[in-house]
Amino acid sequence: MDQTFFIQNPKYKKHIHEEIFQLVWLGEGRWDWNTVYNWPVWLRKFYVDQLTKTFSDKKSVNKQTPQPTGTKPPF
């Protein structure tokens, strides 16, 4: 009997749930778990890539900004 529906390979489950967690957590309330889980794979990948790029850009800007000597960061 042929399968009539898509079954995700169990070895990818952890990766999928990590992506969903990151999108929900880093999305700061923009999306809920159920919404992200039901997105097509290409859309989840798009938003993960966008968040990665955003945080990478922010990190490089912070590295380029010189900290005044003798002061502590606010956190």
N, C-alpha and C. Protein backbone atom coordinates (compact mmCIF):
# COMPACT_ATOMS: atom_id res chain seq x y z
N MET A 1 0.85 -1.18 0.00
CA MET A 1 0.00 0.00 0.00
C MET A 1 0.89 1.24 0.00
N ASP A 2 0.64 2.15 -0.91
CA ASP A 2 1.40 3.39 -1.00
C ASP A 2 0.92 4.39 0.05
N GLN A 3 1.88 5.22 0.50
CA GLN A 3 1.50 6.28 1.42
C GLN A 3 0.77 7.37 0.65
N THR A 4 -0.27 7.90 1.25
CA THR A 4 -1.04 8.94 0.57
C THR A 4 -0.81 10.30 1.22
N PHE A 5 0.07 10.37 2.19
CA PHE A 5 0.35 11.64 2.85
C PHE A 5 1.83 11.70 3.18
N PHE A 6 2.29 12.89 3.47
CA PHE A 6 3.70 13.13 3.74
C PHE A 6 4.01 12.82 5.21
N ILE A 7 5.03 12.03 5.44
CA ILE A 7 5.49 11.75 6.80
C ILE A 7 6.92 12.25 6.91
N GLN A 8 7.15 13.11 7.90
CA GLN A 8 8.49 13.67 8.10
C GLN A 8 9.43 12.60 8.64
N ASN A 9 10.61 12.54 8.09
CA ASN A 9 11.63 11.63 8.56
C ASN A 9 11.97 11.98 10.01
N PRO A 10 11.96 11.00 10.93
CA PRO A 10 12.20 11.27 12.35
C PRO A 10 13.54 11.94 12.64
N LYS A 11 14.55 11.73 11.79
CA LYS A 11 15.86 12.34 12.07
C LYS A 11 15.83 13.86 11.90
N TYR A 12 14.81 14.42 11.24
CA TYR A 12 14.70 15.85 11.05
C TYR A 12 13.80 16.53 12.08
N LYS A 13 13.14 15.74 12.92
CA LYS A 13 12.20 16.30 13.89
C LYS A 13 12.84 17.35 14.78
N LYS A 14 14.02 17.04 15.33
CA LYS A 14 14.68 17.97 16.23
C LYS A 14 14.98 19.29 15.51
N HIS A 15 15.50 19.20 14.31
CA HIS A 15 15.82 20.39 13.53
C HIS A 15 14.57 21.24 13.28
N ILE A 16 13.49 20.61 12.90
CA ILE A 16 12.24 21.33 12.63
C ILE A 16 11.76 22.05 13.88
N HIS A 17 11.78 21.35 15.02
CA HIS A 17 11.30 21.96 16.25
C HIS A 17 12.24 23.05 16.75
N GLU A 18 13.52 22.93 16.48
CA GLU A 18 14.45 24.02 16.82
C GLU A 18 14.14 25.26 15.98
N GLU A 19 13.86 25.07 14.71
CA GLU A 19 13.49 26.20 13.85
C GLU A 19 12.21 26.86 14.34
N ILE A 20 11.22 26.05 14.68
CA ILE A 20 9.95 26.59 15.16
C ILE A 20 10.16 27.36 16.46
N PHE A 21 10.94 26.80 17.36
CA PHE A 21 11.22 27.47 18.63
C PHE A 21 11.89 28.82 18.38
N GLN A 22 12.90 28.84 17.53
CA GLN A 22 13.62 30.08 17.24
C GLN A 22 12.69 31.13 16.65
N LEU A 23 11.83 30.73 15.73
CA LEU A 23 10.93 31.70 15.11
C LEU A 23 9.93 32.25 16.12
N VAL A 24 9.40 31.39 16.98
CA VAL A 24 8.43 31.84 17.97
C VAL A 24 9.12 32.70 19.02
N TRP A 25 10.27 32.24 19.52
CA TRP A 25 10.98 32.95 20.58
C TRP A 25 11.57 34.27 20.09
N LEU A 26 12.31 34.22 18.99
CA LEU A 26 12.96 35.42 18.47
C LEU A 26 11.98 36.33 17.72
N GLY A 27 10.83 35.79 17.35
CA GLY A 27 9.80 36.60 16.71
C GLY A 27 9.09 37.51 17.69
N GLU A 28 9.38 37.35 18.97
CA GLU A 28 8.87 38.22 20.03
C GLU A 28 7.35 38.39 19.97
N GLY A 29 6.65 37.28 19.84
CA GLY A 29 5.19 37.32 19.87
C GLY A 29 4.53 37.60 18.53
N ARG A 30 5.31 37.72 17.49
CA ARG A 30 4.70 37.98 16.18
C ARG A 30 3.94 36.77 15.67
N TRP A 31 4.42 35.56 16.02
CA TRP A 31 3.79 34.33 15.55
C TRP A 31 3.63 33.38 16.73
N ASP A 32 2.62 32.52 16.64
CA ASP A 32 2.45 31.48 17.65
C ASP A 32 2.94 30.15 17.08
N TRP A 33 3.13 29.18 17.96
CA TRP A 33 3.71 27.89 17.58
C TRP A 33 2.90 27.21 16.48
N ASN A 34 1.59 27.18 16.64
CA ASN A 34 0.73 26.48 15.67
C ASN A 34 0.84 27.10 14.28
N THR A 35 0.89 28.41 14.22
CA THR A 35 1.01 29.10 12.92
C THR A 35 2.32 28.73 12.24
N VAL A 36 3.42 28.84 12.98
CA VAL A 36 4.74 28.55 12.40
C VAL A 36 4.84 27.08 12.00
N TYR A 37 4.30 26.18 12.81
CA TYR A 37 4.35 24.75 12.51
C TYR A 37 3.64 24.45 11.19
N ASN A 38 2.58 25.17 10.90
CA ASN A 38 1.80 24.90 9.69
C ASN A 38 2.26 25.69 8.47
N TRP A 39 3.28 26.53 8.62
CA TRP A 39 3.84 27.23 7.47
C TRP A 39 4.49 26.22 6.53
N PRO A 40 4.53 26.53 5.23
CA PRO A 40 5.32 25.69 4.32
C PRO A 40 6.80 25.80 4.69
N VAL A 41 7.54 24.78 4.36
CA VAL A 41 8.97 24.73 4.70
C VAL A 41 9.71 25.93 4.13
N TRP A 42 9.42 26.31 2.90
CA TRP A 42 10.14 27.43 2.27
C TRP A 42 9.92 28.72 3.05
N LEU A 43 8.73 28.91 3.64
CA LEU A 43 8.45 30.13 4.37
C LEU A 43 9.18 30.15 5.72
N ARG A 44 9.19 29.00 6.40
CA ARG A 44 9.96 28.91 7.66
C ARG A 44 11.43 29.19 7.39
N LYS A 45 11.95 28.59 6.34
CA LYS A 45 13.38 28.79 5.99
C LYS A 45 13.64 30.27 5.68
N PHE A 46 12.74 30.91 4.97
CA PHE A 46 12.90 32.32 4.65
C PHE A 46 13.02 33.15 5.92
N TYR A 47 12.12 32.96 6.87
CA TYR A 47 12.14 33.75 8.10
C TYR A 47 13.34 33.40 8.99
N VAL A 48 13.74 32.15 9.03
CA VAL A 48 14.94 31.79 9.79
C VAL A 48 16.15 32.49 9.19
N ASP A 49 16.25 32.47 7.87
CA ASP A 49 17.38 33.16 7.20
C ASP A 49 17.35 34.66 7.48
N GLN A 50 16.17 35.27 7.45
CA GLN A 50 16.05 36.70 7.71
C GLN A 50 16.46 37.03 9.14
N LEU A 51 16.00 36.23 10.11
CA LEU A 51 16.39 36.47 11.50
C LEU A 51 17.89 36.30 11.69
N THR A 52 18.46 35.28 11.07
CA THR A 52 19.90 35.05 11.16
C THR A 52 20.67 36.24 10.60
N LYS A 53 20.24 36.74 9.44
CA LYS A 53 20.90 37.89 8.82
C LYS A 53 20.76 39.13 9.71
N THR A 54 19.58 39.36 10.25
CA THR A 54 19.34 40.52 11.10
C THR A 54 20.23 40.51 12.32
N PHE A 55 20.30 39.37 13.01
CA PHE A 55 21.13 39.28 14.20
C PHE A 55 22.61 39.35 13.88
N SER A 56 23.01 38.81 12.74
CA SER A 56 24.41 38.88 12.31
C SER A 56 24.79 40.33 12.02
N ASP A 57 23.91 41.04 11.31
CA ASP A 57 24.17 42.46 11.02
C ASP A 57 24.25 43.28 12.30
N LYS A 58 23.35 43.02 13.21
CA LYS A 58 23.33 43.76 14.48
C LYS A 58 24.60 43.49 15.28
N LYS A 59 25.06 42.24 15.25
CA LYS A 59 26.27 41.87 15.98
C LYS A 59 27.50 42.57 15.39
N SER A 60 27.58 42.63 14.05
CA SER A 60 28.74 43.27 13.42
C SER A 60 28.73 44.78 13.67
N VAL A 61 27.56 45.40 13.72
CA VAL A 61 27.48 46.83 14.02
C VAL A 61 27.93 47.09 15.45
N ASN A 62 27.51 46.23 16.37
CA ASN A 62 27.92 46.38 17.77
C ASN A 62 29.43 46.21 17.94
N LYS A 63 30.05 45.34 17.16
CA LYS A 63 31.50 45.15 17.24
C LYS A 63 32.24 46.38 16.71
N GLN A 64 31.66 47.04 15.71
CA GLN A 64 32.30 48.20 15.10
C GLN A 64 32.16 49.46 15.95
N THR A 65 31.15 49.50 16.80
CA THR A 65 30.93 50.67 17.64
C THR A 65 31.88 50.62 18.82
N PRO A 66 32.79 51.58 18.92
CA PRO A 66 33.75 51.53 20.03
C PRO A 66 33.07 51.86 21.36
N GLN A 67 33.43 51.10 22.38
CA GLN A 67 32.93 51.34 23.74
C GLN A 67 33.83 52.38 24.39
N PRO A 68 33.25 53.38 25.05
CA PRO A 68 34.07 54.34 25.76
C PRO A 68 34.86 53.63 26.86
N THR A 69 36.10 54.00 27.03
CA THR A 69 36.93 53.35 28.04
C THR A 69 36.49 53.77 29.43
N GLY A 70 36.59 52.84 30.34
CA GLY A 70 36.28 53.11 31.75
C GLY A 70 34.79 53.03 32.06
N THR A 71 33.95 52.65 31.10
CA THR A 71 32.53 52.49 31.40
C THR A 71 32.14 51.05 31.18
N LYS A 72 31.14 50.63 31.91
CA LYS A 72 30.64 49.27 31.78
C LYS A 72 29.41 49.29 30.86
N PRO A 73 29.21 48.20 30.14
CA PRO A 73 27.98 48.11 29.34
C PRO A 73 26.77 48.07 30.27
N PRO A 74 25.58 48.49 29.80
CA PRO A 74 24.41 48.57 30.67
C PRO A 74 23.89 47.23 31.14
N PHE A 75 24.39 46.12 30.63
CA PHE A 75 23.89 44.81 31.06
C PHE A 75 25.00 43.87 31.41
